[in-house]
Amino acid sequence: MKSRGVYETPGGTILTTAHNALEMLCLDRETAHYKQQVSLKYAEMVYYGQWFCQLREALDAFVDVTQRNVSGSVRIKLYKGKATLAGVTSPKSLYNPHLASFTMGAEYNSTDATGFIRLFGLPMKVAGIVSRQTTAAKPAKKK
């Protein structure tokens, strides 16, 4: 039987806040999103006592790869039981202020956006076409 007690881990909260900030700076978006899903599964497996299973070992390998470039310095503000991010820097940061500005330089071609939008929206466009076709093909119900 497991207790439904309250678990307080102030040190864990501080470390998790700091580590998450570094990951957001050092991981690409897709890897960061997938790692969030892996983290939930990993926590569930640990909670259920499934430490010695193959899946946990496989998830360890995934996490090891994602953490290769996660390093840097984080400042955390502690106040009334909360850990708030105050600053983060990393030599492995994927953020480049020259590429992330609103000033369009030589590395940006505005026609690229059109192609990206069309490709990204294609599944929704196809779903809309199919929906209209199947709705039009249905005979009206008699009352």
N, C-alpha and C. Protein backbone atom coordinates (compact mmCIF):
# COMPACT_ATOMS: atom_id res chain seq x y z
N MET A 1 0.85 -1.18 0.00
CA MET A 1 0.00 0.00 0.00
C MET A 1 0.89 1.24 0.00
N LYS A 2 0.51 2.19 -0.79
CA LYS A 2 1.25 3.44 -0.84
C LYS A 2 0.51 4.50 -0.04
N SER A 3 1.27 5.36 0.58
CA SER A 3 0.71 6.46 1.33
C SER A 3 0.30 7.57 0.37
N ARG A 4 -0.74 8.28 0.69
CA ARG A 4 -1.16 9.43 -0.09
C ARG A 4 -0.72 10.71 0.62
N GLY A 5 0.44 10.66 1.24
CA GLY A 5 0.96 11.80 1.97
C GLY A 5 1.52 12.87 1.06
N VAL A 6 1.90 13.96 1.65
CA VAL A 6 2.47 15.08 0.91
C VAL A 6 3.99 14.91 0.89
N TYR A 7 4.57 15.06 -0.29
CA TYR A 7 6.02 14.94 -0.44
C TYR A 7 6.57 16.32 -0.73
N GLU A 8 7.45 16.79 0.13
CA GLU A 8 8.06 18.09 -0.07
C GLU A 8 9.54 17.90 -0.39
N THR A 9 9.97 18.46 -1.50
CA THR A 9 11.36 18.34 -1.93
C THR A 9 11.88 19.69 -2.41
N PRO A 10 12.18 20.58 -1.47
CA PRO A 10 12.64 21.92 -1.90
C PRO A 10 13.91 21.87 -2.75
N GLY A 11 14.83 21.01 -2.41
CA GLY A 11 16.05 20.88 -3.21
C GLY A 11 15.74 20.37 -4.60
N GLY A 12 14.83 19.40 -4.67
CA GLY A 12 14.43 18.86 -5.97
C GLY A 12 13.72 19.90 -6.82
N THR A 13 12.93 20.73 -6.19
CA THR A 13 12.23 21.80 -6.91
C THR A 13 13.22 22.79 -7.51
N ILE A 14 14.22 23.16 -6.74
CA ILE A 14 15.24 24.11 -7.21
C ILE A 14 16.03 23.50 -8.37
N LEU A 15 16.46 22.26 -8.21
CA LEU A 15 17.24 21.59 -9.26
C LEU A 15 16.42 21.40 -10.54
N THR A 16 15.18 21.01 -10.39
CA THR A 16 14.32 20.79 -11.55
C THR A 16 14.08 22.10 -12.29
N THR A 17 13.82 23.17 -11.56
CA THR A 17 13.61 24.48 -12.18
C THR A 17 14.85 24.90 -12.97
N ALA A 18 16.01 24.73 -12.36
CA ALA A 18 17.26 25.11 -13.02
C ALA A 18 17.53 24.24 -14.24
N HIS A 19 17.35 22.96 -14.10
CA HIS A 19 17.64 22.04 -15.20
C HIS A 19 16.69 22.26 -16.37
N ASN A 20 15.41 22.47 -16.08
CA ASN A 20 14.44 22.73 -17.15
C ASN A 20 14.80 24.00 -17.92
N ALA A 21 15.27 25.02 -17.21
CA ALA A 21 15.68 26.26 -17.88
C ALA A 21 16.84 26.01 -18.83
N LEU A 22 17.81 25.20 -18.40
CA LEU A 22 18.94 24.87 -19.27
C LEU A 22 18.50 24.06 -20.48
N GLU A 23 17.59 23.12 -20.26
CA GLU A 23 17.11 22.31 -21.38
C GLU A 23 16.39 23.18 -22.42
N MET A 24 15.60 24.15 -21.96
CA MET A 24 14.89 25.01 -22.91
C MET A 24 15.87 25.84 -23.74
N LEU A 25 17.05 26.08 -23.21
CA LEU A 25 18.06 26.85 -23.92
C LEU A 25 18.93 25.98 -24.83
N CYS A 26 19.10 24.72 -24.46
CA CYS A 26 20.07 23.85 -25.14
C CYS A 26 19.48 22.77 -26.03
N LEU A 27 18.19 22.51 -25.92
CA LEU A 27 17.55 21.48 -26.74
C LEU A 27 16.67 22.13 -27.80
N ASP A 28 16.58 21.48 -28.96
CA ASP A 28 15.65 21.97 -29.97
C ASP A 28 14.23 21.67 -29.50
N ARG A 29 13.27 22.34 -30.10
CA ARG A 29 11.88 22.26 -29.65
C ARG A 29 11.33 20.83 -29.65
N GLU A 30 11.52 20.11 -30.74
CA GLU A 30 10.96 18.75 -30.84
C GLU A 30 11.56 17.81 -29.79
N THR A 31 12.87 17.90 -29.59
CA THR A 31 13.52 17.05 -28.58
C THR A 31 13.01 17.41 -27.19
N ALA A 32 12.89 18.70 -26.91
CA ALA A 32 12.40 19.13 -25.59
C ALA A 32 10.98 18.64 -25.34
N HIS A 33 10.12 18.73 -26.36
CA HIS A 33 8.74 18.26 -26.20
C HIS A 33 8.69 16.74 -25.98
N TYR A 34 9.46 16.01 -26.75
CA TYR A 34 9.46 14.56 -26.60
C TYR A 34 10.05 14.15 -25.24
N LYS A 35 11.06 14.87 -24.80
CA LYS A 35 11.66 14.56 -23.50
C LYS A 35 10.66 14.75 -22.37
N GLN A 36 9.76 15.72 -22.50
CA GLN A 36 8.71 15.89 -21.49
C GLN A 36 7.85 14.64 -21.39
N GLN A 37 7.50 14.06 -22.52
CA GLN A 37 6.70 12.84 -22.53
C GLN A 37 7.49 11.68 -21.91
N VAL A 38 8.76 11.57 -22.27
CA VAL A 38 9.62 10.51 -21.73
C VAL A 38 9.73 10.67 -20.22
N SER A 39 9.86 11.91 -19.75
CA SER A 39 9.98 12.17 -18.31
C SER A 39 8.76 11.68 -17.54
N LEU A 40 7.57 11.91 -18.11
CA LEU A 40 6.35 11.44 -17.45
C LEU A 40 6.33 9.91 -17.35
N LYS A 41 6.69 9.25 -18.44
CA LYS A 41 6.71 7.78 -18.44
C LYS A 41 7.76 7.26 -17.46
N TYR A 42 8.92 7.90 -17.45
CA TYR A 42 10.01 7.50 -16.55
C TYR A 42 9.55 7.61 -15.10
N ALA A 43 8.93 8.74 -14.75
CA ALA A 43 8.46 8.95 -13.38
C ALA A 43 7.42 7.91 -13.00
N GLU A 44 6.53 7.59 -13.94
CA GLU A 44 5.51 6.58 -13.68
C GLU A 44 6.15 5.21 -13.41
N MET A 45 7.15 4.86 -14.20
CA MET A 45 7.82 3.57 -14.01
C MET A 45 8.53 3.49 -12.67
N VAL A 46 9.19 4.58 -12.29
CA VAL A 46 9.86 4.61 -10.98
C VAL A 46 8.83 4.48 -9.87
N TYR A 47 7.73 5.20 -9.98
CA TYR A 47 6.67 5.15 -8.97
C TYR A 47 6.12 3.74 -8.82
N TYR A 48 5.97 3.03 -9.94
CA TYR A 48 5.44 1.66 -9.91
C TYR A 48 6.49 0.61 -9.61
N GLY A 49 7.72 1.02 -9.33
CA GLY A 49 8.76 0.07 -8.98
C GLY A 49 9.30 -0.74 -10.14
N GLN A 50 9.22 -0.22 -11.35
CA GLN A 50 9.67 -0.95 -12.54
C GLN A 50 11.09 -0.54 -12.95
N TRP A 51 11.97 -0.46 -11.99
CA TRP A 51 13.32 0.02 -12.24
C TRP A 51 14.13 -0.94 -13.11
N PHE A 52 13.94 -2.22 -12.91
CA PHE A 52 14.77 -3.21 -13.59
C PHE A 52 14.14 -3.74 -14.88
N CYS A 53 13.53 -2.87 -15.64
CA CYS A 53 12.93 -3.32 -16.90
C CYS A 53 13.69 -2.70 -18.07
N GLN A 54 13.55 -3.33 -19.22
CA GLN A 54 14.25 -2.89 -20.42
C GLN A 54 13.85 -1.50 -20.88
N LEU A 55 12.59 -1.18 -20.72
CA LEU A 55 12.13 0.14 -21.16
C LEU A 55 12.84 1.24 -20.39
N ARG A 56 13.02 1.06 -19.08
CA ARG A 56 13.74 2.08 -18.29
C ARG A 56 15.16 2.24 -18.80
N GLU A 57 15.83 1.17 -19.17
CA GLU A 57 17.18 1.25 -19.72
C GLU A 57 17.18 1.99 -21.06
N ALA A 58 16.18 1.73 -21.88
CA ALA A 58 16.09 2.40 -23.18
C ALA A 58 15.84 3.90 -22.99
N LEU A 59 14.98 4.23 -22.03
CA LEU A 59 14.72 5.64 -21.76
C LEU A 59 15.96 6.33 -21.20
N ASP A 60 16.75 5.61 -20.41
CA ASP A 60 18.03 6.16 -19.93
C ASP A 60 18.93 6.55 -21.10
N ALA A 61 18.97 5.69 -22.11
CA ALA A 61 19.82 5.97 -23.28
C ALA A 61 19.33 7.24 -24.00
N PHE A 62 18.01 7.38 -24.14
CA PHE A 62 17.45 8.58 -24.76
C PHE A 62 17.84 9.82 -23.96
N VAL A 63 17.65 9.76 -22.65
CA VAL A 63 17.95 10.91 -21.80
C VAL A 63 19.44 11.24 -21.85
N ASP A 64 20.30 10.22 -21.84
CA ASP A 64 21.74 10.46 -21.94
C ASP A 64 22.09 11.27 -23.18
N VAL A 65 21.50 10.93 -24.31
CA VAL A 65 21.77 11.65 -25.55
C VAL A 65 21.26 13.09 -25.46
N THR A 66 20.07 13.28 -24.91
CA THR A 66 19.51 14.63 -24.85
C THR A 66 20.30 15.54 -23.91
N GLN A 67 21.04 14.97 -22.99
CA GLN A 67 21.74 15.79 -21.99
C GLN A 67 23.17 16.15 -22.38
N ARG A 68 23.66 15.66 -23.51
CA ARG A 68 25.05 15.93 -23.91
C ARG A 68 25.40 17.41 -23.93
N ASN A 69 24.50 18.25 -24.39
CA ASN A 69 24.79 19.68 -24.52
C ASN A 69 24.11 20.54 -23.47
N VAL A 70 23.50 19.92 -22.49
CA VAL A 70 22.80 20.68 -21.45
C VAL A 70 23.80 21.04 -20.35
N SER A 71 24.26 22.27 -20.41
CA SER A 71 25.20 22.77 -19.39
C SER A 71 25.11 24.28 -19.37
N GLY A 72 25.52 24.86 -18.27
CA GLY A 72 25.49 26.31 -18.16
C GLY A 72 25.29 26.76 -16.73
N SER A 73 24.89 28.00 -16.59
CA SER A 73 24.67 28.60 -15.28
C SER A 73 23.24 29.11 -15.17
N VAL A 74 22.66 28.87 -14.01
CA VAL A 74 21.28 29.30 -13.78
C VAL A 74 21.21 30.04 -12.46
N ARG A 75 20.47 31.14 -12.45
CA ARG A 75 20.21 31.87 -11.22
C ARG A 75 18.74 31.68 -10.87
N ILE A 76 18.50 31.29 -9.63
CA ILE A 76 17.14 31.04 -9.14
C ILE A 76 16.86 31.99 -7.98
N LYS A 77 15.68 32.60 -8.01
CA LYS A 77 15.25 33.44 -6.91
C LYS A 77 14.34 32.60 -6.02
N LEU A 78 14.66 32.54 -4.74
CA LEU A 78 13.86 31.79 -3.78
C LEU A 78 13.10 32.77 -2.89
N TYR A 79 11.79 32.61 -2.85
CA TYR A 79 10.97 33.52 -2.04
C TYR A 79 9.68 32.82 -1.66
N LYS A 80 9.43 32.73 -0.37
CA LYS A 80 8.20 32.16 0.17
C LYS A 80 7.85 30.81 -0.45
N GLY A 81 8.81 29.92 -0.48
CA GLY A 81 8.55 28.56 -0.95
C GLY A 81 8.51 28.39 -2.46
N LYS A 82 8.87 29.42 -3.20
CA LYS A 82 8.85 29.33 -4.66
C LYS A 82 10.27 29.48 -5.20
N ALA A 83 10.53 28.76 -6.28
CA ALA A 83 11.80 28.87 -7.00
C ALA A 83 11.49 29.47 -8.36
N THR A 84 11.97 30.69 -8.59
CA THR A 84 11.68 31.40 -9.83
C THR A 84 12.97 31.63 -10.60
N LEU A 85 12.93 31.39 -11.89
CA LEU A 85 14.09 31.59 -12.74
C LEU A 85 14.44 33.08 -12.78
N ALA A 86 15.72 33.38 -12.51
CA ALA A 86 16.19 34.77 -12.54
C ALA A 86 17.18 35.00 -13.68
N GLY A 87 17.70 33.95 -14.26
CA GLY A 87 18.63 34.09 -15.37
C GLY A 87 19.25 32.76 -15.74
N VAL A 88 19.62 32.61 -17.01
CA VAL A 88 20.23 31.37 -17.48
C VAL A 88 21.17 31.69 -18.64
N THR A 89 22.33 31.08 -18.62
CA THR A 89 23.29 31.20 -19.72
C THR A 89 23.90 29.84 -19.98
N SER A 90 24.30 29.63 -21.23
CA SER A 90 24.93 28.37 -21.59
C SER A 90 25.84 28.56 -22.80
N PRO A 91 27.03 27.95 -22.75
CA PRO A 91 27.89 28.00 -23.93
C PRO A 91 27.33 27.15 -25.07
N LYS A 92 26.36 26.28 -24.77
CA LYS A 92 25.75 25.39 -25.77
C LYS A 92 24.35 25.86 -26.16
N SER A 93 24.02 27.11 -25.85
CA SER A 93 22.69 27.65 -26.14
C SER A 93 22.40 27.60 -27.63
N LEU A 94 21.17 27.21 -27.97
CA LEU A 94 20.73 27.21 -29.35
C LEU A 94 20.15 28.57 -29.74
N TYR A 95 20.01 29.45 -28.79
CA TYR A 95 19.47 30.78 -29.06
C TYR A 95 20.57 31.66 -29.64
N ASN A 96 20.29 32.26 -30.78
CA ASN A 96 21.22 33.18 -31.42
C ASN A 96 20.46 34.48 -31.67
N PRO A 97 20.79 35.54 -30.93
CA PRO A 97 20.02 36.78 -31.06
C PRO A 97 20.08 37.37 -32.48
N HIS A 98 21.13 37.07 -33.23
CA HIS A 98 21.24 37.59 -34.59
C HIS A 98 20.24 36.91 -35.53
N LEU A 99 19.92 35.64 -35.25
CA LEU A 99 18.95 34.92 -36.07
C LEU A 99 17.53 35.11 -35.57
N ALA A 100 17.38 35.50 -34.31
CA ALA A 100 16.05 35.60 -33.71
C ALA A 100 15.52 37.03 -33.68
N SER A 101 16.10 37.91 -34.44
CA SER A 101 15.65 39.30 -34.41
C SER A 101 14.52 39.52 -35.41
N PHE A 102 13.88 40.67 -35.30
CA PHE A 102 12.83 41.03 -36.24
C PHE A 102 13.42 41.69 -37.48
N THR A 103 14.72 41.94 -37.46
CA THR A 103 15.40 42.48 -38.63
C THR A 103 15.75 41.33 -39.54
N MET A 104 15.27 41.35 -40.74
CA MET A 104 15.49 40.25 -41.66
C MET A 104 16.83 40.43 -42.37
N GLY A 105 17.73 39.48 -42.14
CA GLY A 105 19.05 39.52 -42.74
C GLY A 105 19.13 38.59 -43.94
N ALA A 106 20.33 38.35 -44.41
CA ALA A 106 20.57 37.53 -45.60
C ALA A 106 20.17 36.07 -45.37
N GLU A 107 20.17 35.61 -44.13
CA GLU A 107 19.85 34.20 -43.85
C GLU A 107 18.35 33.92 -43.92
N TYR A 108 17.54 34.98 -44.08
CA TYR A 108 16.08 34.80 -44.13
C TYR A 108 15.56 35.17 -45.52
N ASN A 109 14.84 34.25 -46.11
CA ASN A 109 14.19 34.50 -47.39
C ASN A 109 12.69 34.42 -47.13
N SER A 110 11.98 35.51 -47.33
CA SER A 110 10.56 35.55 -46.98
C SER A 110 9.73 34.52 -47.75
N THR A 111 10.19 34.06 -48.91
CA THR A 111 9.43 33.05 -49.64
C THR A 111 9.49 31.69 -48.96
N ASP A 112 10.47 31.50 -48.08
CA ASP A 112 10.54 30.24 -47.32
C ASP A 112 9.31 30.08 -46.44
N ALA A 113 8.81 31.17 -45.90
CA ALA A 113 7.65 31.10 -45.01
C ALA A 113 6.42 30.56 -45.73
N THR A 114 6.24 30.94 -46.98
CA THR A 114 5.08 30.46 -47.74
C THR A 114 5.11 28.95 -47.87
N GLY A 115 6.26 28.41 -48.24
CA GLY A 115 6.38 26.96 -48.37
C GLY A 115 6.19 26.25 -47.04
N PHE A 116 6.74 26.82 -45.99
CA PHE A 116 6.59 26.22 -44.66
C PHE A 116 5.13 26.20 -44.24
N ILE A 117 4.44 27.30 -44.44
CA ILE A 117 3.04 27.39 -44.04
C ILE A 117 2.21 26.38 -44.82
N ARG A 118 2.47 26.26 -46.12
CA ARG A 118 1.72 25.29 -46.93
C ARG A 118 1.97 23.86 -46.47
N LEU A 119 3.22 23.51 -46.22
CA LEU A 119 3.54 22.15 -45.76
C LEU A 119 2.97 21.88 -44.38
N PHE A 120 3.12 22.84 -43.48
CA PHE A 120 2.66 22.66 -42.10
C PHE A 120 1.13 22.54 -42.05
N GLY A 121 0.44 23.27 -42.92
CA GLY A 121 -1.01 23.25 -42.91
C GLY A 121 -1.63 22.18 -43.79
N LEU A 122 -0.81 21.43 -44.55
CA LEU A 122 -1.34 20.44 -45.48
C LEU A 122 -2.23 19.39 -44.82
N PRO A 123 -1.85 18.79 -43.68
CA PRO A 123 -2.75 17.80 -43.06
C PRO A 123 -4.13 18.38 -42.72
N MET A 124 -4.17 19.63 -42.26
CA MET A 124 -5.46 20.25 -41.92
C MET A 124 -6.27 20.53 -43.18
N LYS A 125 -5.58 20.93 -44.26
CA LYS A 125 -6.26 21.18 -45.53
C LYS A 125 -6.89 19.89 -46.07
N VAL A 126 -6.12 18.80 -46.03
CA VAL A 126 -6.62 17.51 -46.50
C VAL A 126 -7.80 17.06 -45.65
N ALA A 127 -7.71 17.23 -44.34
CA ALA A 127 -8.81 16.84 -43.45
C ALA A 127 -10.07 17.63 -43.78
N GLY A 128 -9.93 18.92 -44.08
CA GLY A 128 -11.07 19.75 -44.45
C GLY A 128 -11.71 19.29 -45.75
N ILE A 129 -10.87 18.95 -46.74
CA ILE A 129 -11.38 18.45 -48.03
C ILE A 129 -12.15 17.16 -47.84
N VAL A 130 -11.56 16.23 -47.08
CA VAL A 130 -12.22 14.94 -46.82
C VAL A 130 -13.53 15.15 -46.08
N SER A 131 -13.52 16.04 -45.10
CA SER A 131 -14.74 16.31 -44.32
C SER A 131 -15.85 16.86 -45.22
N ARG A 132 -15.50 17.80 -46.09
CA ARG A 132 -16.51 18.37 -46.99
C ARG A 132 -17.04 17.31 -47.96
N GLN A 133 -16.14 16.46 -48.46
CA GLN A 133 -16.56 15.42 -49.40
C GLN A 133 -17.48 14.40 -48.73
N THR A 134 -17.14 13.98 -47.53
CA THR A 134 -17.96 12.97 -46.85
C THR A 134 -19.27 13.57 -46.37
N THR A 135 -19.28 14.83 -46.00
CA THR A 135 -20.52 15.49 -45.58
C THR A 135 -21.45 15.65 -46.78
N ALA A 136 -20.90 16.03 -47.92
CA ALA A 136 -21.71 16.23 -49.13
C ALA A 136 -22.25 14.89 -49.65
N ALA A 137 -21.53 13.81 -49.42
CA ALA A 137 -21.93 12.50 -49.95
C ALA A 137 -23.02 11.85 -49.10
N LYS A 138 -23.24 12.30 -47.89
CA LYS A 138 -24.25 11.70 -47.01
C LYS A 138 -25.64 12.14 -47.42
N PRO A 139 -26.57 11.19 -47.55
CA PRO A 139 -27.95 11.59 -47.86
C PRO A 139 -28.58 12.24 -46.64
N ALA A 140 -29.47 13.16 -46.88
CA ALA A 140 -30.17 13.85 -45.79
C ALA A 140 -31.07 12.87 -45.07
N LYS A 141 -31.13 12.98 -43.74
CA LYS A 141 -31.98 12.11 -42.93
C LYS A 141 -33.43 12.57 -43.03
N LYS A 142 -34.35 11.59 -43.11
CA LYS A 142 -35.78 11.90 -43.12
C LYS A 142 -36.28 12.03 -41.70
N LYS A 143 -37.19 12.95 -41.52
CA LYS A 143 -37.75 13.14 -40.17
C LYS A 143 -39.09 12.54 -40.07
